[in-house]
Amino acid sequence: MNKDWKIETLAIQAGYEPENGAARVVPIVQSTTYRYDDVQSVADLFDLKREGFFYTRLANPTVDAFEKKIAAMEGGVAAVALSSGQTANAFALMNIARCGDHVLALSSLYGGTVSLFTNTLKKAGIEVSFVTPDMDEAAVAAQVRSNTKALFVEALANPALVVADFEKYAKVAHDNGIPLIVDNTFPTPVLCRPFEFGADIVTHSTTKYIDGHAVAVGGIVVEKGGFNWSCGKFPEFTEPDESYHGLVYTKDFAAAPFSVKLRVQLVRDYGVPMMPFNAFLASLGTETLPLRMERHSSNALELAEFLKNHPKVSWVNYPGLADNPENALVKKYFTGGMASGVLCFGVKGGRAAGEKVMNSLKLAAIVVHVADTRTGVLHPASMTHRQLSEAELEAAGVSPDLIRVTVGLENIEDIKADFDQALAMA
């Protein structure tokens, strides 16, 4: 692989280099097990003394190719593909925080992530507290504790569409010796590469734009490399792991200690790898990701402008709009000022009128999904975010009348016509 290749080339070429006469497209290795000729070969694999495959719960050739592709696209040193985006976010924190530790996160996160952080991780003894996007650097820094192990943000919040100010959060994190973890699901590495702005770990729900066709659930965690895990805050990286005969991750796997530890501890014990067929589908989707993100973004911008000028619409939130408060950060951090394919709006008449519009759509469907080729709508307050309290909904930027639109790849004139006829019913 040529490290100078552009993102469009990496999306197609990275991760898999077929040998002479081998399959041109990465094969689906649908096997749980792998054959070896001698005992020592397998023993060395179990002791992490050599690379290879011995059980698909830990590694698989198809999954490995997908991991390498996404790592290359993000500009990281390694990646671990998992069963879902929720698993990716959970493991990104559980790999560095344990019972009694604290994590700081941005309040505008996706509702499912908030529930994960405030319920499931809380039961495991990991406390997560939140800072709001409007807090300045000093205010965010004041929330860091002696036992804080990470700062977690979404590059583009779902559905609040807040753009994370990476440089601000990276400075707070690094001044306190902790990593900045960024969920880059909505922008994807095509529109944004958080490592270039100070992030240390990137996560994705590959179920969304990376797959892009709503056919394969998955997640991935990518490591930038170079973070100082030996600063004294992360003993599990610097002290011997007795389950592997005393190896030390920062010593024995200095290039990618975070990824190795995540795979050989958490994936080994929880058993939630990405399946080979899902990796194949996600890898296939990634090949067209650059083209799709351009179209998603242009369609979303045109629909946002249409809705903004519609007499039945009370407000529109899309970071790609020139007058949107997030637009300056889009221009700063996102490629070409493109802001992905998700927008939100409210209908005059409130929630009841909004439901009438949603029920009247014909091309756009009501779906509990986002970021695939088809245009869809969702009412977060009663669907994806329904487990959140009123205070949590407000912190996440979810108003009762908010309708989230995932703008697909259909002809934009057809999309606008569909919303126009539906709004006429309100």
Protein backbone atom coordinates (compact mmCIF):
# COMPACT_ATOMS: atom_id res chain seq x y z
CA MET A 1 0.00 0.00 0.00
CA ASN A 2 1.23 3.46 -0.91
CA LYS A 3 0.96 5.77 2.10
CA ASP A 4 0.59 8.75 -0.23
CA TRP A 5 -2.63 7.44 -1.74
CA LYS A 6 -5.65 9.71 -1.40
CA ILE A 7 -8.75 8.69 0.52
CA GLU A 8 -10.62 7.58 -2.62
CA THR A 9 -7.80 5.17 -3.51
CA LEU A 10 -7.44 3.88 0.05
CA ALA A 11 -11.18 3.13 0.16
CA ILE A 12 -10.70 0.70 -2.73
CA GLN A 13 -7.11 -0.54 -2.46
CA ALA A 14 -6.15 -0.54 1.24
CA GLY A 15 -6.28 -3.56 3.51
CA TYR A 16 -5.91 -6.38 1.01
CA GLU A 17 -3.08 -7.13 -1.42
CA PRO A 18 -3.79 -10.34 -3.37
CA GLU A 19 -0.90 -12.58 -4.26
CA ASN A 20 -0.28 -13.80 -7.80
CA GLY A 21 -3.34 -15.70 -8.92
CA ALA A 22 -5.37 -14.94 -5.79
CA ALA A 23 -8.89 -13.53 -5.69
CA ARG A 24 -8.92 -9.86 -6.70
CA VAL A 25 -11.70 -9.05 -4.23
CA VAL A 26 -11.12 -9.86 -0.56
CA PRO A 27 -12.59 -13.35 -0.03
CA ILE A 28 -15.13 -14.21 2.64
CA VAL A 29 -13.28 -16.62 4.92
CA GLN A 30 -16.36 -18.16 6.52
CA SER A 31 -14.50 -20.40 8.92
CA THR A 32 -14.21 -20.45 12.68
CA THR A 33 -10.98 -22.45 12.69
CA TYR A 34 -7.61 -22.69 10.95
CA ARG A 35 -5.34 -25.70 10.39
CA TYR A 36 -1.69 -25.89 11.44
CA ASP A 37 0.98 -28.54 10.93
CA ASP A 38 2.60 -28.43 14.36
CA VAL A 39 1.75 -27.67 17.98
CA GLN A 40 4.33 -24.90 18.42
CA SER A 41 2.77 -22.76 15.70
CA VAL A 42 -0.51 -22.64 17.59
CA ALA A 43 1.22 -22.20 20.93
CA ASP A 44 3.02 -19.14 19.57
CA LEU A 45 -0.28 -17.70 18.39
CA PHE A 46 -1.83 -18.15 21.83
CA ASP A 47 1.21 -16.49 23.43
CA LEU A 48 0.99 -13.57 20.94
CA LYS A 49 4.50 -14.31 19.70
CA ARG A 50 3.44 -14.37 16.06
CA GLU A 51 0.66 -12.98 13.92
CA GLY A 52 -1.93 -15.23 12.36
CA PHE A 53 -5.35 -16.76 12.77
CA PHE A 54 -6.43 -19.58 15.02
CA TYR A 55 -10.01 -18.76 16.00
CA THR A 56 -12.37 -16.23 14.42
CA ARG A 57 -13.45 -14.85 17.79
CA LEU A 58 -10.06 -13.10 17.86
CA ALA A 59 -9.12 -12.66 14.23
CA ASN A 60 -10.18 -13.63 10.72
CA PRO A 61 -8.62 -12.82 7.32
CA THR A 62 -11.72 -11.05 5.97
CA VAL A 63 -12.14 -9.01 9.14
CA ASP A 64 -8.41 -8.29 9.23
CA ALA A 65 -8.51 -6.82 5.71
CA PHE A 66 -11.42 -4.55 6.67
CA GLU A 67 -9.62 -3.42 9.84
CA LYS A 68 -6.53 -2.49 7.86
CA LYS A 69 -8.59 -0.58 5.31
CA ILE A 70 -10.35 1.60 7.90
CA ALA A 71 -7.11 2.14 9.83
CA ALA A 72 -5.47 3.36 6.62
CA MET A 73 -8.36 5.66 5.79
CA GLU A 74 -8.34 7.19 9.27
CA GLY A 75 -4.55 7.44 9.34
CA GLY A 76 -4.19 5.10 12.31
CA VAL A 77 -1.78 2.29 13.11
CA ALA A 78 -4.34 -0.43 13.88
CA ALA A 79 -8.05 -1.15 14.22
CA VAL A 80 -10.31 -3.73 15.83
CA ALA A 81 -13.65 -4.52 14.19
CA LEU A 82 -16.52 -5.45 16.48
CA SER A 83 -20.12 -6.62 16.45
CA SER A 84 -21.69 -3.15 16.64
CA GLY A 85 -21.03 0.54 17.11
CA GLN A 86 -22.25 0.29 20.70
CA THR A 87 -19.63 -2.35 21.36
CA ALA A 88 -16.98 -0.13 19.80
CA ASN A 89 -17.81 2.78 22.10
CA ALA A 90 -18.13 0.56 25.16
CA PHE A 91 -14.80 -1.18 24.55
CA ALA A 92 -13.00 2.06 23.71
CA LEU A 93 -13.68 3.12 27.29
CA MET A 94 -13.53 -0.26 29.02
CA ASN A 95 -10.08 -0.82 27.55
CA ILE A 96 -8.69 2.04 29.63
CA ALA A 97 -11.17 2.58 32.47
CA ARG A 98 -12.14 0.16 35.22
CA CYS A 99 -14.25 0.17 38.36
CA GLY A 100 -13.67 3.42 40.25
CA ASP A 101 -12.55 5.40 37.20
CA HIS A 102 -14.18 8.41 35.56
CA VAL A 103 -14.77 9.48 31.95
CA LEU A 104 -15.71 12.92 30.70
CA ALA A 105 -18.04 13.14 27.70
CA LEU A 106 -19.86 15.69 25.60
CA SER A 107 -23.56 15.97 26.49
CA SER A 108 -24.75 16.05 22.87
CA LEU A 109 -24.07 12.34 22.30
CA TYR A 110 -26.46 9.89 20.66
CA GLY A 111 -29.12 8.71 23.10
CA GLY A 112 -28.02 5.09 22.98
CA THR A 113 -24.48 6.12 23.87
CA VAL A 114 -25.76 8.21 26.78
CA SER A 115 -27.73 5.22 28.05
CA LEU A 116 -24.66 3.00 27.70
CA PHE A 117 -22.54 5.48 29.63
CA THR A 118 -25.02 6.37 32.38
CA ASN A 119 -26.52 2.94 32.97
CA THR A 120 -24.44 -0.02 31.87
CA LEU A 121 -20.99 1.47 32.50
CA LYS A 122 -22.24 2.93 35.77
CA LYS A 123 -23.17 -0.59 36.92
CA ALA A 124 -19.60 -1.63 36.08
CA GLY A 125 -18.30 1.13 38.36
CA ILE A 126 -17.21 3.54 35.61
CA GLU A 127 -18.67 6.99 36.15
CA VAL A 128 -19.34 9.20 33.15
CA SER A 129 -20.10 12.90 33.58
CA PHE A 130 -20.93 15.38 30.87
CA VAL A 131 -19.83 18.79 29.66
CA THR A 132 -21.89 20.92 27.29
CA PRO A 133 -20.67 22.03 23.86
CA ASP A 134 -20.82 25.70 24.84
CA MET A 135 -18.26 25.30 27.66
CA ASP A 136 -14.90 26.90 26.96
CA GLU A 137 -11.59 25.13 27.43
CA ALA A 138 -11.17 26.22 31.06
CA ALA A 139 -14.67 25.08 32.00
CA VAL A 140 -14.14 21.67 30.41
CA ALA A 141 -10.72 21.30 32.05
CA ALA A 142 -12.27 22.07 35.44
CA GLN A 143 -14.38 18.91 35.13
CA VAL A 144 -11.36 16.61 34.75
CA ARG A 145 -10.64 14.59 37.91
CA SER A 146 -7.61 12.73 39.15
CA ASN A 147 -9.26 9.44 38.11
CA THR A 148 -10.49 10.66 34.69
CA LYS A 149 -9.26 8.26 32.02
CA ALA A 150 -10.63 9.72 28.76
CA LEU A 151 -12.55 12.51 27.09
CA PHE A 152 -15.22 11.25 24.67
CA VAL A 153 -16.96 13.26 21.93
CA GLU A 154 -18.87 12.71 18.69
CA ALA A 155 -17.39 14.40 15.64
CA LEU A 156 -20.92 15.24 14.51
CA ALA A 157 -23.52 14.63 17.18
CA ASN A 158 -26.58 12.47 16.55
CA PRO A 159 -29.10 14.11 16.23
CA ALA A 160 -28.06 17.49 17.67
CA LEU A 161 -25.56 17.90 14.79
CA VAL A 162 -23.07 19.67 17.04
CA VAL A 163 -19.57 19.66 15.55
CA ALA A 164 -16.88 18.84 18.11
CA ASP A 165 -14.13 21.44 18.42
CA PHE A 166 -11.36 18.85 18.29
CA GLU A 167 -8.48 21.16 19.07
CA LYS A 168 -10.17 22.45 22.23
CA TYR A 169 -10.93 18.97 23.55
CA ALA A 170 -7.57 17.55 22.49
CA LYS A 171 -5.77 20.25 24.46
CA VAL A 172 -7.81 19.56 27.58
CA ALA A 173 -7.23 15.82 27.22
CA HIS A 174 -3.51 16.01 26.58
CA ASP A 175 -2.87 18.63 29.25
CA ASN A 176 -4.28 16.04 31.66
CA GLY A 177 -2.52 13.00 30.20
CA ILE A 178 -5.67 11.31 28.89
CA PRO A 179 -6.74 10.33 25.34
CA LEU A 180 -9.36 12.07 23.26
CA ILE A 181 -11.80 9.50 21.86
CA VAL A 182 -13.92 10.57 18.88
CA ASP A 183 -16.94 8.79 17.44
CA ASN A 184 -16.54 9.63 13.74
CA THR A 185 -19.62 7.76 12.48
CA PHE A 186 -21.46 10.60 10.75
CA PRO A 187 -18.57 12.34 8.95
CA THR A 188 -16.58 9.16 8.22
CA PRO A 189 -12.86 9.50 7.35
CA VAL A 190 -13.91 10.84 3.95
CA LEU A 191 -15.17 14.10 5.45
CA CYS A 192 -13.15 14.25 8.66
CA ARG A 193 -9.95 12.69 10.03
CA PRO A 194 -9.93 13.44 13.76
CA PHE A 195 -6.36 12.15 14.21
CA GLU A 196 -5.15 15.18 12.27
CA PHE A 197 -6.70 17.45 14.92
CA GLY A 198 -5.50 15.74 18.08
CA ALA A 199 -7.72 12.69 18.59
CA ASP A 200 -6.07 9.50 19.88
CA ILE A 201 -8.81 6.90 19.35
CA VAL A 202 -11.60 6.91 16.75
CA THR A 203 -14.73 4.78 16.80
CA HIS A 204 -17.41 4.08 14.20
CA SER A 205 -20.72 2.39 13.94
CA THR A 206 -19.87 0.81 10.60
CA THR A 207 -23.58 -0.02 10.37
CA LYS A 208 -24.08 3.53 9.13
CA TYR A 209 -22.28 5.25 6.22
CA ILE A 210 -19.33 2.83 6.04
CA ASP A 211 -21.64 -0.06 5.16
CA GLY A 212 -24.02 2.46 3.63
CA HIS A 213 -26.71 0.01 2.52
CA ALA A 214 -28.34 -0.98 5.84
CA VAL A 215 -27.34 -4.63 5.53
CA ALA A 216 -24.59 -5.26 8.12
CA VAL A 217 -24.33 -4.27 11.78
CA GLY A 218 -20.81 -3.55 12.97
CA GLY A 219 -18.40 -1.26 14.76
CA ILE A 220 -14.71 -0.49 14.75
CA VAL A 221 -12.12 1.11 17.03
CA VAL A 222 -9.07 2.73 15.44
CA GLU A 223 -5.83 3.64 17.23
CA LYS A 224 -3.76 6.59 16.09
CA GLY A 225 -0.58 5.41 17.78
CA GLY A 226 1.92 7.42 19.75
CA PHE A 227 -0.14 8.13 22.86
CA ASN A 228 1.86 7.98 26.09
CA TRP A 229 0.21 5.08 27.91
CA SER A 230 3.20 5.02 30.27
CA CYS A 231 2.30 8.33 31.93
CA GLY A 232 1.23 6.59 35.15
CA LYS A 233 -2.53 6.72 34.61
CA PHE A 234 -2.88 3.40 32.76
CA PRO A 235 -1.20 0.60 34.74
CA GLU A 236 -2.88 -2.17 32.75
CA PHE A 237 -0.78 -1.12 29.76
CA THR A 238 2.52 -1.00 31.65
CA GLU A 239 2.17 -3.83 34.17
CA PRO A 240 2.47 -7.54 33.28
CA ASP A 241 -0.66 -9.29 32.01
CA GLU A 242 -0.60 -12.63 33.80
CA SER A 243 -3.17 -14.08 31.39
CA TYR A 244 -0.43 -13.85 28.74
CA HIS A 245 2.52 -14.98 30.84
CA GLY A 246 3.45 -11.48 31.98
CA LEU A 247 3.69 -9.60 28.69
CA VAL A 248 3.59 -5.81 28.89
CA TYR A 249 1.55 -4.08 26.19
CA THR A 250 3.58 -0.89 25.99
CA LYS A 251 6.78 -2.93 25.78
CA ASP A 252 5.81 -5.95 23.71
CA PHE A 253 3.39 -4.13 21.38
CA ALA A 254 4.73 -0.61 21.45
CA ALA A 255 3.32 0.33 18.04
CA ALA A 256 -0.31 -0.40 18.91
CA PRO A 257 -0.74 -1.32 22.59
CA PHE A 258 -4.32 -0.07 22.79
CA SER A 259 -5.54 -2.20 19.88
CA VAL A 260 -3.71 -5.35 20.96
CA LYS A 261 -5.01 -5.09 24.52
CA LEU A 262 -8.57 -4.47 23.32
CA ARG A 263 -8.46 -7.52 21.06
CA VAL A 264 -6.72 -10.03 23.29
CA GLN A 265 -8.51 -9.07 26.50
CA LEU A 266 -11.98 -7.67 25.75
CA VAL A 267 -12.77 -9.39 22.46
CA ARG A 268 -11.30 -12.62 23.81
CA ASP A 269 -13.41 -12.51 26.98
CA TYR A 270 -16.64 -10.89 25.80
CA GLY A 271 -16.66 -12.61 22.42
CA VAL A 272 -18.08 -9.83 20.24
CA PRO A 273 -16.00 -9.73 17.04
CA MET A 274 -17.32 -8.59 13.69
CA MET A 275 -18.42 -11.58 11.66
CA PRO A 276 -16.61 -12.30 8.36
CA PHE A 277 -19.66 -11.79 6.14
CA ASN A 278 -20.43 -8.44 7.80
CA ALA A 279 -16.81 -7.40 7.32
CA PHE A 280 -17.06 -8.31 3.65
CA LEU A 281 -20.23 -6.25 3.22
CA ALA A 282 -18.79 -3.28 5.11
CA SER A 283 -15.58 -3.43 3.10
CA LEU A 284 -17.56 -3.54 -0.12
CA GLY A 285 -19.58 -0.53 0.99
CA THR A 286 -16.42 1.36 1.87
CA GLU A 287 -15.25 1.22 -1.74
CA THR A 288 -17.96 3.72 -2.74
CA LEU A 289 -17.88 5.73 0.50
CA PRO A 290 -16.13 8.81 -0.98
CA LEU A 291 -18.66 9.04 -3.80
CA ARG A 292 -21.60 8.48 -1.49
CA MET A 293 -20.53 11.06 1.10
CA GLU A 294 -20.33 13.74 -1.58
CA ARG A 295 -23.86 12.94 -2.77
CA HIS A 296 -25.29 12.57 0.75
CA SER A 297 -23.83 15.96 1.66
CA SER A 298 -25.00 17.78 -1.47
CA ASN A 299 -28.50 16.29 -1.22
CA ALA A 300 -28.73 17.20 2.47
CA LEU A 301 -27.64 20.78 1.84
CA GLU A 302 -30.19 21.25 -0.94
CA LEU A 303 -32.99 19.70 1.14
CA ALA A 304 -32.02 21.88 4.12
CA GLU A 305 -32.23 25.00 1.98
CA PHE A 306 -35.60 23.88 0.62
CA LEU A 307 -37.03 23.21 4.09
CA LYS A 308 -35.60 26.44 5.47
CA ASN A 309 -37.69 28.40 2.95
CA HIS A 310 -40.84 26.29 3.33
CA PRO A 311 -43.81 28.08 4.96
CA LYS A 312 -44.77 25.01 7.02
CA VAL A 313 -41.30 24.57 8.57
CA SER A 314 -40.44 26.39 11.80
CA TRP A 315 -36.72 25.66 11.93
CA VAL A 316 -33.94 23.68 10.24
CA ASN A 317 -30.65 22.44 11.68
CA TYR A 318 -27.96 21.45 9.20
CA PRO A 319 -24.31 22.37 9.82
CA GLY A 320 -23.70 22.80 6.11
CA LEU A 321 -25.96 25.89 5.97
CA ALA A 322 -23.93 29.08 5.85
CA ASP A 323 -25.86 30.66 8.73
CA ASN A 324 -25.75 27.58 10.96
CA PRO A 325 -23.78 28.17 14.20
CA GLU A 326 -21.74 25.01 13.54
CA ASN A 327 -20.74 26.01 10.01
CA ALA A 328 -17.43 27.59 11.04
CA LEU A 329 -16.33 24.30 12.64
CA VAL A 330 -17.51 22.38 9.55
CA LYS A 331 -15.26 24.55 7.42
CA LYS A 332 -12.40 24.11 9.88
CA TYR A 333 -12.53 20.35 10.34
CA PHE A 334 -14.54 18.80 7.49
CA THR A 335 -13.28 18.23 3.95
CA GLY A 336 -14.61 20.80 1.52
CA GLY A 337 -17.08 22.09 4.08
CA MET A 338 -19.30 19.04 3.44
CA ALA A 339 -21.46 18.26 6.46
CA SER A 340 -22.68 14.69 5.85
CA GLY A 341 -26.22 13.62 5.09
CA VAL A 342 -28.27 14.13 8.25
CA LEU A 343 -30.44 17.15 9.05
CA CYS A 344 -33.17 17.99 11.54
CA PHE A 345 -36.20 20.22 11.31
CA GLY A 346 -39.42 21.15 13.08
CA VAL A 347 -42.89 21.63 11.63
CA LYS A 348 -45.12 24.55 12.54
CA GLY A 349 -47.79 23.11 14.79
CA GLY A 350 -45.30 21.12 16.84
CA ARG A 351 -45.11 17.41 17.45
CA ALA A 352 -48.61 16.54 16.24
CA ALA A 353 -48.09 18.31 12.92
CA GLY A 354 -44.69 16.68 12.60
CA GLU A 355 -46.18 13.21 13.04
CA LYS A 356 -48.71 14.00 10.32
CA VAL A 357 -45.87 14.96 7.98
CA MET A 358 -43.92 11.79 8.78
CA ASN A 359 -46.99 9.64 8.18
CA SER A 360 -47.59 11.37 4.83
CA LEU A 361 -44.15 10.78 3.34
CA LYS A 362 -44.05 8.29 0.47
CA LEU A 363 -40.44 8.16 -0.77
CA ALA A 364 -38.90 8.73 2.67
CA ALA A 365 -39.67 5.96 5.15
CA ILE A 366 -39.98 5.99 8.94
CA VAL A 367 -36.97 3.93 10.00
CA VAL A 368 -34.95 3.36 13.14
CA HIS A 369 -31.76 3.78 11.18
CA VAL A 370 -29.61 6.46 9.68
CA ALA A 371 -26.94 6.90 7.03
CA ASP A 372 -27.75 4.53 4.21
CA THR A 373 -28.66 5.00 0.56
CA ARG A 374 -32.38 5.51 1.21
CA THR A 375 -33.97 8.66 2.63
CA GLY A 376 -35.60 8.08 6.00
CA VAL A 377 -37.07 9.98 8.92
CA LEU A 378 -37.23 9.38 12.64
CA HIS A 379 -38.67 11.11 15.71
CA PRO A 380 -35.84 10.81 18.27
CA ALA A 381 -37.80 11.89 21.36
CA SER A 382 -40.24 8.99 20.98
CA MET A 383 -37.86 6.51 19.34
CA THR A 384 -34.06 6.39 19.66
CA HIS A 385 -33.89 8.74 22.66
CA ARG A 386 -37.04 7.66 24.50
CA GLN A 387 -35.06 6.24 27.47
CA LEU A 388 -33.58 9.67 28.23
CA SER A 389 -35.01 12.04 30.83
CA GLU A 390 -36.31 15.48 29.86
CA ALA A 391 -33.06 16.99 31.13
CA GLU A 392 -30.97 14.51 29.13
CA LEU A 393 -33.05 15.18 26.02
CA GLU A 394 -32.44 18.90 26.39
CA ALA A 395 -28.70 18.34 26.92
CA ALA A 396 -28.61 16.15 23.80
CA GLY A 397 -30.33 18.87 21.77
CA VAL A 398 -33.49 16.82 21.20
CA SER A 399 -36.64 18.93 21.25
CA PRO A 400 -40.14 17.33 21.23
CA ASP A 401 -40.77 18.51 17.65
CA LEU A 402 -37.42 17.44 16.20
CA ILE A 403 -37.61 15.25 13.09
CA ARG A 404 -34.32 13.71 11.97
CA VAL A 405 -33.87 13.15 8.26
CA THR A 406 -31.24 10.83 6.85
CA VAL A 407 -30.95 12.09 3.30
CA GLY A 408 -30.34 9.33 0.80
CA LEU A 409 -28.92 9.11 -2.69
CA GLU A 410 -32.18 9.44 -4.61
CA ASN A 411 -32.62 12.34 -7.01
CA ILE A 412 -32.90 15.46 -4.91
CA GLU A 413 -35.90 16.75 -6.86
CA ASP A 414 -37.81 13.60 -5.92
CA ILE A 415 -36.80 13.98 -2.28
CA LYS A 416 -37.91 17.62 -2.14
CA ALA A 417 -41.20 16.82 -3.86
CA ASP A 418 -41.91 14.11 -1.28
CA PHE A 419 -41.37 16.47 1.63
CA ASP A 420 -43.36 19.19 -0.10
CA GLN A 421 -46.44 17.00 -0.52
CA ALA A 422 -46.14 15.70 3.04
CA LEU A 423 -45.83 19.20 4.49
CA ALA A 424 -48.96 20.18 2.62
CA MET A 425 -50.82 17.68 4.86
CA ALA A 426 -49.72 19.42 8.07
